[in-house]
Amino acid sequence: MTTTTQTTSRNQVEAGYETSKFAFGAGIVMAALVGLWGTACMASALVSVGPLNVLQGYFTAMLG
């Protein structure tokens, strides 16, 4: 005699945790892109006008 048994398994997903994990990862990626863009802009300014003019422009912007 054979008996058929049926088993079920249930997986619960923590939607809040998964959403927060995704948002945190997306935020890190965006921060890295902004940092890379800022570094590229600074390098471009140093090449085009020179380091002393970049410092002069920085101090002029900060002091008015």
N, C-alpha and C. Protein backbone atom coordinates (compact mmCIF):
# COMPACT_ATOMS: atom_id res chain seq x y z
N MET A 1 0.83 -1.15 0.00
CA MET A 1 0.00 0.00 0.00
C MET A 1 0.90 1.25 0.00
N THR A 2 0.61 2.20 -0.85
CA THR A 2 1.35 3.45 -0.91
C THR A 2 0.46 4.59 -0.46
N THR A 3 1.09 5.48 0.26
CA THR A 3 0.36 6.64 0.74
C THR A 3 1.00 7.89 0.15
N THR A 4 0.22 8.73 -0.41
CA THR A 4 0.70 9.98 -0.97
C THR A 4 0.58 11.07 0.09
N THR A 5 1.69 11.74 0.30
CA THR A 5 1.68 12.85 1.25
C THR A 5 2.07 14.11 0.52
N GLN A 6 1.51 15.19 0.93
CA GLN A 6 1.80 16.48 0.32
C GLN A 6 2.34 17.42 1.39
N THR A 7 3.51 17.99 1.09
CA THR A 7 4.10 18.93 2.03
C THR A 7 4.20 20.29 1.34
N THR A 8 4.02 21.30 2.08
CA THR A 8 4.15 22.66 1.55
C THR A 8 5.15 23.41 2.39
N SER A 9 5.86 24.27 1.74
CA SER A 9 6.79 25.14 2.46
C SER A 9 6.40 26.58 2.17
N ARG A 10 6.64 27.42 3.12
CA ARG A 10 6.23 28.81 3.00
C ARG A 10 7.44 29.69 3.25
N ASN A 11 7.72 30.58 2.32
CA ASN A 11 8.83 31.52 2.46
C ASN A 11 8.25 32.91 2.65
N GLN A 12 8.69 33.56 3.68
CA GLN A 12 8.26 34.93 3.92
C GLN A 12 9.39 35.87 3.55
N VAL A 13 9.05 36.88 2.81
CA VAL A 13 10.02 37.88 2.40
C VAL A 13 9.80 39.11 3.27
N GLU A 14 10.88 39.61 3.81
CA GLU A 14 10.81 40.84 4.58
C GLU A 14 10.94 42.00 3.61
N ALA A 15 9.80 42.49 3.14
CA ALA A 15 9.79 43.52 2.09
C ALA A 15 10.48 44.80 2.55
N GLY A 16 10.29 45.19 3.78
CA GLY A 16 10.92 46.41 4.27
C GLY A 16 12.43 46.31 4.27
N TYR A 17 12.95 45.16 4.70
CA TYR A 17 14.39 44.96 4.73
C TYR A 17 14.96 44.95 3.32
N GLU A 18 14.29 44.24 2.41
CA GLU A 18 14.78 44.16 1.03
C GLU A 18 14.75 45.53 0.36
N THR A 19 13.70 46.30 0.61
CA THR A 19 13.60 47.64 0.02
C THR A 19 14.68 48.55 0.57
N SER A 20 14.91 48.49 1.86
CA SER A 20 15.96 49.32 2.47
C SER A 20 17.33 48.93 1.95
N LYS A 21 17.56 47.65 1.78
CA LYS A 21 18.84 47.16 1.27
C LYS A 21 19.08 47.68 -0.16
N PHE A 22 18.03 47.65 -0.98
CA PHE A 22 18.15 48.15 -2.36
C PHE A 22 18.39 49.65 -2.36
N ALA A 23 17.63 50.40 -1.55
CA ALA A 23 17.78 51.85 -1.51
C ALA A 23 19.17 52.25 -1.02
N PHE A 24 19.68 51.52 -0.03
CA PHE A 24 21.03 51.81 0.48
C PHE A 24 22.08 51.57 -0.61
N GLY A 25 21.94 50.47 -1.33
CA GLY A 25 22.88 50.17 -2.42
C GLY A 25 22.80 51.21 -3.53
N ALA A 26 21.58 51.63 -3.88
CA ALA A 26 21.42 52.65 -4.91
C ALA A 26 22.02 53.98 -4.46
N GLY A 27 21.87 54.30 -3.18
CA GLY A 27 22.45 55.53 -2.65
C GLY A 27 23.97 55.52 -2.69
N ILE A 28 24.55 54.37 -2.39
CA ILE A 28 26.01 54.25 -2.43
C ILE A 28 26.52 54.41 -3.86
N VAL A 29 25.82 53.80 -4.80
CA VAL A 29 26.22 53.91 -6.21
C VAL A 29 26.13 55.36 -6.67
N MET A 30 25.05 56.06 -6.31
CA MET A 30 24.91 57.45 -6.71
C MET A 30 25.98 58.33 -6.06
N ALA A 31 26.29 58.09 -4.80
CA ALA A 31 27.34 58.86 -4.13
C ALA A 31 28.70 58.64 -4.79
N ALA A 32 28.95 57.40 -5.21
CA ALA A 32 30.21 57.11 -5.90
C ALA A 32 30.27 57.83 -7.24
N LEU A 33 29.15 57.86 -7.96
CA LEU A 33 29.13 58.56 -9.25
C LEU A 33 29.34 60.07 -9.07
N VAL A 34 28.72 60.64 -8.06
CA VAL A 34 28.91 62.07 -7.80
C VAL A 34 30.36 62.35 -7.42
N GLY A 35 30.95 61.49 -6.61
CA GLY A 35 32.36 61.66 -6.24
C GLY A 35 33.29 61.57 -7.43
N LEU A 36 33.03 60.61 -8.30
CA LEU A 36 33.85 60.49 -9.52
C LEU A 36 33.69 61.71 -10.42
N TRP A 37 32.45 62.20 -10.54
CA TRP A 37 32.21 63.38 -11.37
C TRP A 37 32.93 64.60 -10.78
N GLY A 38 32.88 64.77 -9.48
CA GLY A 38 33.58 65.88 -8.84
C GLY A 38 35.08 65.79 -9.02
N THR A 39 35.61 64.59 -8.91
CA THR A 39 37.05 64.40 -9.12
C THR A 39 37.44 64.73 -10.56
N ALA A 40 36.62 64.31 -11.51
CA ALA A 40 36.90 64.60 -12.92
C ALA A 40 36.84 66.11 -13.18
N CYS A 41 35.88 66.80 -12.57
CA CYS A 41 35.77 68.25 -12.74
C CYS A 41 36.97 68.97 -12.13
N MET A 42 37.41 68.51 -10.95
CA MET A 42 38.58 69.13 -10.31
C MET A 42 39.83 68.91 -11.14
N ALA A 43 40.01 67.72 -11.66
CA ALA A 43 41.17 67.44 -12.52
C ALA A 43 41.13 68.29 -13.77
N SER A 44 39.95 68.46 -14.35
CA SER A 44 39.81 69.30 -15.54
C SER A 44 40.16 70.75 -15.24
N ALA A 45 39.72 71.25 -14.10
CA ALA A 45 40.03 72.64 -13.73
C ALA A 45 41.53 72.80 -13.49
N LEU A 46 42.15 71.83 -12.84
CA LEU A 46 43.60 71.93 -12.58
C LEU A 46 44.39 71.93 -13.88
N VAL A 47 43.94 71.16 -14.86
CA VAL A 47 44.65 71.09 -16.14
C VAL A 47 44.42 72.36 -16.95
N SER A 48 43.19 72.88 -16.95
CA SER A 48 42.87 73.99 -17.84
C SER A 48 43.36 75.35 -17.31
N VAL A 49 43.27 75.62 -16.01
CA VAL A 49 43.65 76.94 -15.51
C VAL A 49 44.82 76.90 -14.54
N GLY A 50 45.22 75.74 -14.09
CA GLY A 50 46.37 75.63 -13.19
C GLY A 50 45.95 75.61 -11.73
N PRO A 51 46.81 75.02 -10.90
CA PRO A 51 46.45 74.86 -9.48
C PRO A 51 46.35 76.18 -8.71
N LEU A 52 47.19 77.15 -9.03
CA LEU A 52 47.14 78.42 -8.29
C LEU A 52 45.86 79.19 -8.59
N ASN A 53 45.42 79.18 -9.84
CA ASN A 53 44.17 79.86 -10.18
C ASN A 53 42.97 79.15 -9.57
N VAL A 54 43.05 77.82 -9.44
CA VAL A 54 41.97 77.08 -8.79
C VAL A 54 41.89 77.47 -7.32
N LEU A 55 43.03 77.55 -6.64
CA LEU A 55 43.04 77.98 -5.23
C LEU A 55 42.55 79.43 -5.08
N GLN A 56 42.98 80.28 -5.99
CA GLN A 56 42.53 81.68 -5.93
C GLN A 56 41.03 81.75 -6.12
N GLY A 57 40.50 81.02 -7.06
CA GLY A 57 39.06 81.01 -7.28
C GLY A 57 38.30 80.45 -6.09
N TYR A 58 38.86 79.43 -5.45
CA TYR A 58 38.23 78.86 -4.25
C TYR A 58 38.16 79.88 -3.13
N PHE A 59 39.30 80.54 -2.87
CA PHE A 59 39.30 81.53 -1.78
C PHE A 59 38.42 82.73 -2.11
N THR A 60 38.38 83.13 -3.37
CA THR A 60 37.50 84.22 -3.78
C THR A 60 36.04 83.83 -3.56
N ALA A 61 35.69 82.61 -3.88
CA ALA A 61 34.31 82.16 -3.69
C ALA A 61 33.95 82.07 -2.22
N MET A 62 34.89 81.66 -1.37
CA MET A 62 34.59 81.51 0.04
C MET A 62 34.56 82.86 0.78
N LEU A 63 35.45 83.75 0.42
CA LEU A 63 35.57 85.02 1.15
C LEU A 63 34.75 86.15 0.53
N GLY A 64 34.42 86.01 -0.73
CA GLY A 64 33.56 87.02 -1.37
C GLY A 64 34.28 88.03 -2.17
